Amino acid sequence: MTPNFSDITYFIEVAQCKNISRASERLGITQPSVSAAVKRLEDSLGTILLIRSRSGVQLTKAGSELASKGRVLLQSWEQLSSEIKKRENEVSGRYIIGCHPSVALYSLPHFLPQLMQQHANLEIELTHDLSRKITEQVIRYEVDFGVVVNPIEHPDLVIKPLCSDEVSFWVTKKSSSTQCLDPNKGILICDLNLNQVKKLLADLKRRKMGVQRIVHSSNLEVICDLTASGLGVGILPQRVATRIPSHQLKRLTPDLPVFKDKICLVYRADAQKTHGGKVIAEAIKNSFF
């Protein structure tokens, strides 16, 4: 059997007492248990550690070295164990939060400043990508918490709904000539990689509606600004379209298709059992409205 920290502890007690029987009494265990611990250490190291006699035991050179360095090893282990236990009960250390850049703009300011101000030993790293990729990174233990849109159920994930949103067609209050769904002159501005956009465009096609041209951008804030400039009809989540009031965006018409989004907090329960993880999860959940 492989020796363990208890075996080293027992051996160090024997080295101090120079007697296996006395060491067993001080440790509160049986003498055979102490002898078995010493035997495991000797078998593992491939050398004799104790020379036994009627009067007690003597340490070999290997035994003396193990007793000396074993004490240092146990002290280091106790210090490490204490630090880890302390961290487990404090809000400290480094955590990675992932979300789409647009989700970050309307969510992070509501909880991150207060969280960082309240916990001086907390370190946060932010990473941004499509929600489905952030979710995959959470599953692979690469990201601690994800604030994602429409996550797919997964057996390893805890999914906590935070708020809802709606993706629809937006224009300025003073719409330009190209801000329309007209196959002869209309311009559409959208991120063609988003599932919401794909489904809305498919719905338009079924209604036999369309535009003359499409401007593709992977940045929702760029789409929002271009829509505000009058370039064309923007496909945007409501939280993005209304984040900057001066843009004065409005929905094109109420009868157009709408895609309903669900924004959720996702994390692995097996990876977020510390006090810090629980505090961060609560801070995120409580920040949404």
C-alpha atoms as a PDB file:
ATOM      1  CA  MET A   1       0.000   0.000   0.000  1.00  0.00           C
ATOM      2  CA  THR A   2       1.121   3.575  -0.717  1.00  0.00           C
ATOM      3  CA  PRO A   3       2.122   5.521   2.417  1.00  0.00           C
ATOM      4  CA  ASN A   4       0.143   8.618   3.399  1.00  0.00           C
ATOM      5  CA  PHE A   5       0.514  11.679   5.615  1.00  0.00           C
ATOM      6  CA  SER A   6      -0.648   9.693   8.640  1.00  0.00           C
ATOM      7  CA  ASP A   7       2.202   7.234   8.100  1.00  0.00           C
ATOM      8  CA  ILE A   8       4.713  10.116   8.110  1.00  0.00           C
ATOM      9  CA  THR A   9       3.084  11.563  11.248  1.00  0.00           C
ATOM     10  CA  TYR A  10       3.335   8.200  13.024  1.00  0.00           C
ATOM     11  CA  PHE A  11       6.948   7.764  11.963  1.00  0.00           C
ATOM     12  CA  ILE A  12       7.916  11.228  13.239  1.00  0.00           C
ATOM     13  CA  GLU A  13       6.342  10.368  16.618  1.00  0.00           C
ATOM     14  CA  VAL A  14       8.372   7.133  16.723  1.00  0.00           C
ATOM     15  CA  ALA A  15      11.518   9.110  15.861  1.00  0.00           C
ATOM     16  CA  GLN A  16      10.841  11.464  18.788  1.00  0.00           C
ATOM     17  CA  CYS A  17      10.010   8.725  21.305  1.00  0.00           C
ATOM     18  CA  LYS A  18      12.586   6.203  20.055  1.00  0.00           C
ATOM     19  CA  ASN A  19       9.992   3.615  21.031  1.00  0.00           C
ATOM     20  CA  ILE A  20       7.101   2.207  18.978  1.00  0.00           C
ATOM     21  CA  SER A  21       5.009   1.253  22.019  1.00  0.00           C
ATOM     22  CA  ARG A  22       5.294   4.720  23.589  1.00  0.00           C
ATOM     23  CA  ALA A  23       4.589   6.377  20.237  1.00  0.00           C
ATOM     24  CA  SER A  24       1.405   4.328  19.830  1.00  0.00           C
ATOM     25  CA  GLU A  25       0.234   5.406  23.294  1.00  0.00           C
ATOM     26  CA  ARG A  26       0.841   9.082  22.515  1.00  0.00           C
ATOM     27  CA  LEU A  27      -0.893   8.764  19.154  1.00  0.00           C
ATOM     28  CA  GLY A  28      -3.831   6.869  20.639  1.00  0.00           C
ATOM     29  CA  ILE A  29      -3.585   3.981  18.174  1.00  0.00           C
ATOM     30  CA  THR A  30      -2.446   0.381  18.404  1.00  0.00           C
ATOM     31  CA  GLN A  31       1.202  -0.649  18.181  1.00  0.00           C
ATOM     32  CA  PRO A  32       0.568  -2.840  15.093  1.00  0.00           C
ATOM     33  CA  SER A  33      -0.872   0.205  13.305  1.00  0.00           C
ATOM     34  CA  VAL A  34       2.312   2.179  13.971  1.00  0.00           C
ATOM     35  CA  SER A  35       4.505  -0.732  12.866  1.00  0.00           C
ATOM     36  CA  ALA A  36       2.441  -1.133   9.679  1.00  0.00           C
ATOM     37  CA  ALA A  37       2.874   2.595   8.911  1.00  0.00           C
ATOM     38  CA  VAL A  38       6.661   2.327   9.285  1.00  0.00           C
ATOM     39  CA  LYS A  39       6.666  -0.802   7.085  1.00  0.00           C
ATOM     40  CA  ARG A  40       4.743   1.004   4.331  1.00  0.00           C
ATOM     41  CA  LEU A  41       7.290   3.823   4.374  1.00  0.00           C
ATOM     42  CA  GLU A  42      10.229   1.414   4.254  1.00  0.00           C
ATOM     43  CA  ASP A  43       8.671  -0.573   1.388  1.00  0.00           C
ATOM     44  CA  SER A  44       7.930   2.626  -0.535  1.00  0.00           C
ATOM     45  CA  LEU A  45      11.437   4.057  -0.074  1.00  0.00           C
ATOM     46  CA  GLY A  46      13.189   0.706  -0.468  1.00  0.00           C
ATOM     47  CA  THR A  47      15.332   1.124   2.628  1.00  0.00           C
ATOM     48  CA  ILE A  48      15.359   0.475   6.386  1.00  0.00           C
ATOM     49  CA  LEU A  49      14.339   3.437   8.509  1.00  0.00           C
ATOM     50  CA  LEU A  50      14.506   1.952  12.026  1.00  0.00           C
ATOM     51  CA  ILE A  51      16.836  -0.436  13.812  1.00  0.00           C
ATOM     52  CA  ARG A  52      14.815  -2.229  16.467  1.00  0.00           C
ATOM     53  CA  SER A  53      16.187  -3.407  19.821  1.00  0.00           C
ATOM     54  CA  ARG A  54      14.840  -4.429  23.220  1.00  0.00           C
ATOM     55  CA  SER A  55      15.372  -0.924  24.553  1.00  0.00           C
ATOM     56  CA  GLY A  56      13.615   0.785  21.631  1.00  0.00           C
ATOM     57  CA  VAL A  57      14.555   1.880  18.130  1.00  0.00           C
ATOM     58  CA  GLN A  58      17.377   3.792  16.482  1.00  0.00           C
ATOM     59  CA  LEU A  59      17.056   5.766  13.286  1.00  0.00           C
ATOM     60  CA  THR A  60      19.126   4.850  10.285  1.00  0.00           C
ATOM     61  CA  LYS A  61      20.604   7.689   8.208  1.00  0.00           C
ATOM     62  CA  ALA A  62      17.604   7.394   5.883  1.00  0.00           C
ATOM     63  CA  GLY A  63      15.300   7.419   8.910  1.00  0.00           C
ATOM     64  CA  SER A  64      16.905  10.583  10.298  1.00  0.00           C
ATOM     65  CA  GLU A  65      16.590  12.325   6.932  1.00  0.00           C
ATOM     66  CA  LEU A  66      12.928  11.317   6.598  1.00  0.00           C
ATOM     67  CA  ALA A  67      12.143  12.506  10.132  1.00  0.00           C
ATOM     68  CA  SER A  68      13.775  15.879   9.467  1.00  0.00           C
ATOM     69  CA  LYS A  69      12.289  16.539   6.041  1.00  0.00           C
ATOM     70  CA  GLY A  70       9.010  14.891   6.984  1.00  0.00           C
ATOM     71  CA  ARG A  71       8.437  17.564   9.625  1.00  0.00           C
ATOM     72  CA  VAL A  72       8.959  20.274   6.989  1.00  0.00           C
ATOM     73  CA  LEU A  73       6.602  18.436   4.638  1.00  0.00           C
ATOM     74  CA  LEU A  74       3.880  18.205   7.277  1.00  0.00           C
ATOM     75  CA  GLN A  75       4.288  21.875   8.199  1.00  0.00           C
ATOM     76  CA  SER A  76       3.984  22.864   4.534  1.00  0.00           C
ATOM     77  CA  TRP A  77       0.903  20.676   4.156  1.00  0.00           C
ATOM     78  CA  GLU A  78      -0.739  22.190   7.252  1.00  0.00           C
ATOM     79  CA  GLN A  79      -0.037  25.707   5.966  1.00  0.00           C
ATOM     80  CA  LEU A  80      -1.387  24.877   2.491  1.00  0.00           C
ATOM     81  CA  SER A  81      -4.442  23.182   3.974  1.00  0.00           C
ATOM     82  CA  SER A  82      -5.125  26.200   6.190  1.00  0.00           C
ATOM     83  CA  GLU A  83      -4.819  28.624   3.257  1.00  0.00           C
ATOM     84  CA  ILE A  84      -7.145  26.565   1.071  1.00  0.00           C
ATOM     85  CA  LYS A  85      -9.749  26.246   3.839  1.00  0.00           C
ATOM     86  CA  LYS A  86      -9.527  29.989   4.393  1.00  0.00           C
ATOM     87  CA  ARG A  87     -10.060  30.670   0.692  1.00  0.00           C
ATOM     88  CA  GLU A  88     -12.999  28.264   0.633  1.00  0.00           C
ATOM     89  CA  ASN A  89     -14.726  30.401   3.247  1.00  0.00           C
ATOM     90  CA  GLU A  90     -13.772  33.788   1.814  1.00  0.00           C
ATOM     91  CA  VAL A  91     -14.644  35.640  -1.368  1.00  0.00           C
ATOM     92  CA  SER A  92     -11.174  35.635  -2.858  1.00  0.00           C
ATOM     93  CA  GLY A  93      -9.165  34.223  -5.722  1.00  0.00           C
ATOM     94  CA  ARG A  94      -9.629  34.422  -9.489  1.00  0.00           C
ATOM     95  CA  TYR A  95     -12.907  33.731 -11.291  1.00  0.00           C
ATOM     96  CA  ILE A  96     -13.710  33.925 -15.001  1.00  0.00           C
ATOM     97  CA  ILE A  97     -17.049  35.350 -16.141  1.00  0.00           C
ATOM     98  CA  GLY A  98     -18.052  34.925 -19.773  1.00  0.00           C
ATOM     99  CA  CYS A  99     -20.777  36.597 -21.820  1.00  0.00           C
ATOM    100  CA  HIS A 100     -21.559  38.085 -25.213  1.00  0.00           C
ATOM    101  CA  PRO A 101     -20.114  41.640 -25.500  1.00  0.00           C
ATOM    102  CA  SER A 102     -23.586  43.150 -25.787  1.00  0.00           C
ATOM    103  CA  VAL A 103     -24.843  41.233 -22.763  1.00  0.00           C
ATOM    104  CA  ALA A 104     -21.773  42.491 -20.898  1.00  0.00           C
ATOM    105  CA  LEU A 105     -22.682  46.131 -21.558  1.00  0.00           C
ATOM    106  CA  TYR A 106     -26.145  45.906 -20.005  1.00  0.00           C
ATOM    107  CA  SER A 107     -25.346  43.394 -17.237  1.00  0.00           C
ATOM    108  CA  LEU A 108     -21.815  43.739 -15.820  1.00  0.00           C
ATOM    109  CA  PRO A 109     -22.167  47.357 -14.587  1.00  0.00           C
ATOM    110  CA  HIS A 110     -25.085  46.278 -12.380  1.00  0.00           C
ATOM    111  CA  PHE A 111     -23.095  43.869 -10.190  1.00  0.00           C
ATOM    112  CA  LEU A 112     -19.363  43.923 -10.904  1.00  0.00           C
ATOM    113  CA  PRO A 113     -18.374  47.303  -9.361  1.00  0.00           C
ATOM    114  CA  GLN A 114     -20.064  46.564  -6.036  1.00  0.00           C
ATOM    115  CA  LEU A 115     -18.762  42.981  -5.977  1.00  0.00           C
ATOM    116  CA  MET A 116     -15.155  44.100  -6.490  1.00  0.00           C
ATOM    117  CA  GLN A 117     -15.450  46.944  -3.979  1.00  0.00           C
ATOM    118  CA  GLN A 118     -16.836  44.658  -1.273  1.00  0.00           C
ATOM    119  CA  HIS A 119     -14.217  41.927  -1.700  1.00  0.00           C
ATOM    120  CA  ALA A 120     -10.657  43.223  -1.912  1.00  0.00           C
ATOM    121  CA  ASN A 121      -9.099  39.795  -2.575  1.00  0.00           C
ATOM    122  CA  LEU A 122     -11.395  38.931  -5.471  1.00  0.00           C
ATOM    123  CA  GLU A 123      -9.974  38.842  -9.018  1.00  0.00           C
ATOM    124  CA  ILE A 124     -12.245  38.729 -12.071  1.00  0.00           C
ATOM    125  CA  GLU A 125     -11.320  37.897 -15.648  1.00  0.00           C
ATOM    126  CA  LEU A 126     -13.851  38.650 -18.376  1.00  0.00           C
ATOM    127  CA  THR A 127     -14.120  36.743 -21.633  1.00  0.00           C
ATOM    128  CA  HIS A 128     -16.549  37.512 -24.469  1.00  0.00           C
ATOM    129  CA  ASP A 129     -17.964  35.332 -27.237  1.00  0.00           C
ATOM    130  CA  LEU A 130     -21.222  33.990 -28.612  1.00  0.00           C
ATOM    131  CA  SER A 131     -23.464  32.593 -25.869  1.00  0.00           C
ATOM    132  CA  ARG A 132     -23.263  29.029 -27.157  1.00  0.00           C
ATOM    133  CA  LYS A 133     -19.457  29.151 -27.070  1.00  0.00           C
ATOM    134  CA  ILE A 134     -19.427  30.605 -23.555  1.00  0.00           C
ATOM    135  CA  THR A 135     -21.736  27.772 -22.467  1.00  0.00           C
ATOM    136  CA  GLU A 136     -19.364  25.205 -23.955  1.00  0.00           C
ATOM    137  CA  GLN A 137     -16.463  26.800 -22.086  1.00  0.00           C
ATOM    138  CA  VAL A 138     -18.372  26.575 -18.807  1.00  0.00           C
ATOM    139  CA  ILE A 139     -18.991  22.867 -19.424  1.00  0.00           C
ATOM    140  CA  ARG A 140     -15.257  22.356 -20.116  1.00  0.00           C
ATOM    141  CA  TYR A 141     -14.290  24.153 -16.845  1.00  0.00           C
ATOM    142  CA  GLU A 142     -12.675  26.983 -18.840  1.00  0.00           C
ATOM    143  CA  VAL A 143     -15.134  29.620 -17.588  1.00  0.00           C
ATOM    144  CA  ASP A 144     -16.589  29.749 -14.064  1.00  0.00           C
ATOM    145  CA  PHE A 145     -19.816  31.657 -14.757  1.00  0.00           C
ATOM    146  CA  GLY A 146     -21.604  32.428 -17.991  1.00  0.00           C
ATOM    147  CA  VAL A 147     -24.291  35.064 -18.540  1.00  0.00           C
ATOM    148  CA  VAL A 148     -25.715  33.632 -21.733  1.00  0.00           C
ATOM    149  CA  VAL A 149     -28.702  33.832 -24.030  1.00  0.00           C
ATOM    150  CA  ASN A 150     -30.929  30.783 -24.578  1.00  0.00           C
ATOM    151  CA  PRO A 151     -28.628  28.094 -23.145  1.00  0.00           C
ATOM    152  CA  ILE A 152     -29.278  24.489 -24.120  1.00  0.00           C
ATOM    153  CA  GLU A 153     -30.000  22.098 -21.250  1.00  0.00           C
ATOM    154  CA  HIS A 154     -26.976  20.027 -20.220  1.00  0.00           C
ATOM    155  CA  PRO A 155     -26.688  17.491 -17.356  1.00  0.00           C
ATOM    156  CA  ASP A 156     -23.548  19.189 -15.979  1.00  0.00           C
ATOM    157  CA  LEU A 157     -25.008  22.710 -15.957  1.00  0.00           C
ATOM    158  CA  VAL A 158     -26.953  24.703 -13.412  1.00  0.00           C
ATOM    159  CA  ILE A 159     -29.149  27.141 -15.370  1.00  0.00           C
ATOM    160  CA  LYS A 160     -30.706  30.085 -13.520  1.00  0.00           C
ATOM    161  CA  PRO A 161     -33.058  32.376 -15.512  1.00  0.00           C
ATOM    162  CA  LEU A 162     -32.163  36.044 -15.048  1.00  0.00           C
ATOM    163  CA  CYS A 163     -34.395  38.026 -17.378  1.00  0.00           C
ATOM    164  CA  SER A 164     -36.050  37.975 -20.781  1.00  0.00           C
ATOM    165  CA  ASP A 165     -35.590  39.959 -23.970  1.00  0.00           C
ATOM    166  CA  GLU A 166     -37.043  40.222 -27.451  1.00  0.00           C
ATOM    167  CA  VAL A 167     -35.183  40.360 -30.751  1.00  0.00           C
ATOM    168  CA  SER A 168     -37.058  42.292 -33.414  1.00  0.00           C
ATOM    169  CA  PHE A 169     -36.797  44.851 -36.217  1.00  0.00           C
ATOM    170  CA  TRP A 170     -35.797  48.415 -35.250  1.00  0.00           C
ATOM    171  CA  VAL A 171     -35.633  51.777 -37.015  1.00  0.00           C
ATOM    172  CA  THR A 172     -35.185  55.411 -35.998  1.00  0.00           C
ATOM    173  CA  LYS A 173     -38.233  57.441 -35.046  1.00  0.00           C
ATOM    174  CA  LYS A 174     -37.615  59.489 -38.202  1.00  0.00           C
ATOM    175  CA  SER A 175     -37.170  56.547 -40.527  1.00  0.00           C
ATOM    176  CA  SER A 176     -35.155  56.967 -43.731  1.00  0.00           C
ATOM    177  CA  SER A 177     -36.158  55.634 -47.137  1.00  0.00           C
ATOM    178  CA  THR A 178     -34.015  52.489 -46.691  1.00  0.00           C
ATOM    179  CA  GLN A 179     -35.444  51.659 -43.255  1.00  0.00           C
ATOM    180  CA  CYS A 180     -38.155  49.405 -44.608  1.00  0.00           C
ATOM    181  CA  LEU A 181     -38.779  45.809 -45.592  1.00  0.00           C
ATOM    182  CA  ASP A 182     -38.986  46.489 -49.300  1.00  0.00           C
ATOM    183  CA  PRO A 183     -37.214  44.221 -51.815  1.00  0.00           C
ATOM    184  CA  ASN A 184     -36.558  47.209 -54.053  1.00  0.00           C
ATOM    185  CA  LYS A 185     -34.860  49.582 -51.602  1.00  0.00           C
ATOM    186  CA  GLY A 186     -34.805  48.234 -48.063  1.00  0.00           C
ATOM    187  CA  ILE A 187     -31.535  47.607 -46.215  1.00  0.00           C
ATOM    188  CA  LEU A 188     -31.239  45.185 -43.308  1.00  0.00           C
ATOM    189  CA  ILE A 189     -28.415  45.395 -40.728  1.00  0.00           C
ATOM    190  CA  CYS A 190     -27.850  42.255 -38.674  1.00  0.00           C
ATOM    191  CA  ASP A 191     -25.514  39.544 -37.439  1.00  0.00           C
ATOM    192  CA  LEU A 192     -26.180  36.602 -39.748  1.00  0.00           C
ATOM    193  CA  ASN A 193     -24.408  34.210 -37.340  1.00  0.00           C
ATOM    194  CA  LEU A 194     -27.034  34.574 -34.621  1.00  0.00           C
ATOM    195  CA  ASN A 195     -29.724  31.884 -34.420  1.00  0.00           C
ATOM    196  CA  GLN A 196     -32.317  34.526 -33.591  1.00  0.00           C
ATOM    197  CA  VAL A 197     -31.535  36.388 -36.825  1.00  0.00           C
ATOM    198  CA  LYS A 198     -31.661  33.195 -38.896  1.00  0.00           C
ATOM    199  CA  LYS A 199     -35.114  32.354 -37.537  1.00  0.00           C
ATOM    200  CA  LEU A 200     -36.456  35.874 -38.049  1.00  0.00           C
ATOM    201  CA  LEU A 201     -35.185  35.933 -41.639  1.00  0.00           C
ATOM    202  CA  ALA A 202     -36.793  32.535 -42.267  1.00  0.00           C
ATOM    203  CA  ASP A 203     -40.062  33.918 -40.896  1.00  0.00           C
ATOM    204  CA  LEU A 204     -39.807  36.928 -43.217  1.00  0.00           C
ATOM    205  CA  LYS A 205     -39.244  34.625 -46.155  1.00  0.00           C
ATOM    206  CA  ARG A 206     -42.365  32.629 -45.297  1.00  0.00           C
ATOM    207  CA  ARG A 207     -44.286  35.903 -45.267  1.00  0.00           C
ATOM    208  CA  LYS A 208     -42.770  36.722 -48.671  1.00  0.00           C
ATOM    209  CA  MET A 209     -41.108  39.818 -47.263  1.00  0.00           C
ATOM    210  CA  GLY A 210     -37.504  40.947 -47.793  1.00  0.00           C
ATOM    211  CA  VAL A 211     -34.991  43.691 -48.469  1.00  0.00           C
ATOM    212  CA  GLN A 212     -32.753  44.716 -51.330  1.00  0.00           C
ATOM    213  CA  ARG A 213     -29.463  44.404 -49.413  1.00  0.00           C
ATOM    214  CA  ILE A 214     -28.094  43.125 -46.118  1.00  0.00           C
ATOM    215  CA  VAL A 215     -25.252  44.694 -44.142  1.00  0.00           C
ATOM    216  CA  HIS A 216     -23.686  42.053 -41.899  1.00  0.00           C
ATOM    217  CA  SER A 217     -21.923  42.938 -38.657  1.00  0.00           C
ATOM    218  CA  SER A 218     -20.928  40.688 -35.751  1.00  0.00           C
ATOM    219  CA  ASN A 219     -21.176  43.629 -33.333  1.00  0.00           C
ATOM    220  CA  LEU A 220     -24.658  44.493 -32.049  1.00  0.00           C
ATOM    221  CA  GLU A 221     -23.552  47.949 -30.895  1.00  0.00           C
ATOM    222  CA  VAL A 222     -22.356  48.738 -34.422  1.00  0.00           C
ATOM    223  CA  ILE A 223     -25.705  47.515 -35.768  1.00  0.00           C
ATOM    224  CA  CYS A 224     -27.466  49.732 -33.228  1.00  0.00           C
ATOM    225  CA  ASP A 225     -25.437  52.805 -34.195  1.00  0.00           C
ATOM    226  CA  LEU A 226     -25.913  52.206 -37.917  1.00  0.00           C
ATOM    227  CA  THR A 227     -29.654  51.793 -37.385  1.00  0.00           C
ATOM    228  CA  ALA A 228     -29.687  55.085 -35.470  1.00  0.00           C
ATOM    229  CA  SER A 229     -27.868  56.706 -38.394  1.00  0.00           C
ATOM    230  CA  GLY A 230     -30.743  55.755 -40.717  1.00  0.00           C
ATOM    231  CA  LEU A 231     -28.789  53.226 -42.781  1.00  0.00           C
ATOM    232  CA  GLY A 232     -31.402  50.509 -42.585  1.00  0.00           C
ATOM    233  CA  VAL A 233     -33.558  48.247 -40.436  1.00  0.00           C
ATOM    234  CA  GLY A 234     -31.621  46.730 -37.552  1.00  0.00           C
ATOM    235  CA  ILE A 235     -32.335  43.323 -36.042  1.00  0.00           C
ATOM    236  CA  LEU A 236     -31.615  43.882 -32.367  1.00  0.00           C
ATOM    237  CA  PRO A 237     -32.499  42.705 -28.869  1.00  0.00           C
ATOM    238  CA  GLN A 238     -34.648  45.278 -27.094  1.00  0.00           C
ATOM    239  CA  ARG A 239     -32.093  45.703 -24.278  1.00  0.00           C
ATOM    240  CA  VAL A 240     -29.451  46.652 -26.853  1.00  0.00           C
ATOM    241  CA  ALA A 241     -31.741  48.862 -28.949  1.00  0.00           C
ATOM    242  CA  THR A 242     -32.900  50.891 -25.938  1.00  0.00           C
ATOM    243  CA  ARG A 243     -29.628  51.018 -23.982  1.00  0.00           C
ATOM    244  CA  ILE A 244     -28.748  54.458 -25.420  1.00  0.00           C
ATOM    245  CA  PRO A 245     -31.900  56.626 -25.248  1.00  0.00           C
ATOM    246  CA  SER A 246     -30.470  59.274 -27.572  1.00  0.00           C
ATOM    247  CA  HIS A 247     -30.598  56.776 -30.447  1.00  0.00           C
ATOM    248  CA  GLN A 248     -34.405  57.012 -30.271  1.00  0.00           C
ATOM    249  CA  LEU A 249     -35.013  53.642 -31.866  1.00  0.00           C
ATOM    250  CA  LYS A 250     -38.455  52.108 -32.198  1.00  0.00           C
ATOM    251  CA  ARG A 251     -39.809  48.830 -33.499  1.00  0.00           C
ATOM    252  CA  LEU A 252     -40.608  48.915 -37.188  1.00  0.00           C
ATOM    253  CA  THR A 253     -44.171  47.586 -36.870  1.00  0.00           C
ATOM    254  CA  PRO A 254     -45.852  45.517 -34.142  1.00  0.00           C
ATOM    255  CA  ASP A 255     -47.028  42.782 -36.522  1.00  0.00           C
ATOM    256  CA  LEU A 256     -43.518  41.645 -37.529  1.00  0.00           C
ATOM    257  CA  PRO A 257     -42.031  38.427 -36.089  1.00  0.00           C
ATOM    258  CA  VAL A 258     -40.336  38.617 -32.689  1.00  0.00           C
ATOM    259  CA  PHE A 259     -37.865  36.159 -31.205  1.00  0.00           C
ATOM    260  CA  LYS A 260     -38.076  35.815 -27.431  1.00  0.00           C
ATOM    261  CA  ASP A 261     -34.743  35.456 -25.625  1.00  0.00           C
ATOM    262  CA  LYS A 262     -34.051  34.071 -22.172  1.00  0.00           C
ATOM    263  CA  ILE A 263     -30.901  35.387 -20.475  1.00  0.00           C
ATOM    264  CA  CYS A 264     -29.534  32.939 -17.919  1.00  0.00           C
ATOM    265  CA  LEU A 265     -26.698  32.388 -15.503  1.00  0.00           C
ATOM    266  CA  VAL A 266     -24.940  29.082 -16.146  1.00  0.00           C
ATOM    267  CA  TYR A 267     -22.283  27.326 -14.100  1.00  0.00           C
ATOM    268  CA  ARG A 268     -21.172  23.871 -13.043  1.00  0.00           C
ATOM    269  CA  ALA A 269     -22.436  22.937  -9.587  1.00  0.00           C
ATOM    270  CA  ASP A 270     -19.406  20.701  -8.973  1.00  0.00           C
ATOM    271  CA  ALA A 271     -17.032  23.616  -9.625  1.00  0.00           C
ATOM    272  CA  GLN A 272     -18.768  26.364  -7.637  1.00  0.00           C
ATOM    273  CA  LYS A 273     -19.179  25.001  -4.118  1.00  0.00           C
ATOM    274  CA  THR A 274     -16.970  27.565  -2.391  1.00  0.00           C
ATOM    275  CA  HIS A 275     -18.336  30.534  -0.478  1.00  0.00           C
ATOM    276  CA  GLY A 276     -16.839  32.842  -3.114  1.00  0.00           C
ATOM    277  CA  GLY A 277     -18.598  31.030  -5.941  1.00  0.00           C
ATOM    278  CA  LYS A 278     -21.929  31.214  -4.128  1.00  0.00           C
ATOM    279  CA  VAL A 279     -21.516  34.948  -3.430  1.00  0.00           C
ATOM    280  CA  ILE A 280     -20.702  35.687  -7.088  1.00  0.00           C
ATOM    281  CA  ALA A 281     -23.680  33.656  -8.319  1.00  0.00           C
ATOM    282  CA  GLU A 282     -26.015  35.504  -5.938  1.00  0.00           C
ATOM    283  CA  ALA A 283     -24.591  38.884  -6.971  1.00  0.00           C
ATOM    284  CA  ILE A 284     -25.270  38.124 -10.631  1.00  0.00           C
ATOM    285  CA  LYS A 285     -28.808  36.815  -9.975  1.00  0.00           C
ATOM    286  CA  ASN A 286     -29.751  39.780  -7.795  1.00  0.00           C
ATOM    287  CA  SER A 287     -28.514  42.356 -10.305  1.00  0.00           C
ATOM    288  CA  PHE A 288     -31.057  41.571 -13.005  1.00  0.00           C
ATOM    289  CA  PHE A 289     -34.475  43.122 -13.245  1.00  0.00           C
END
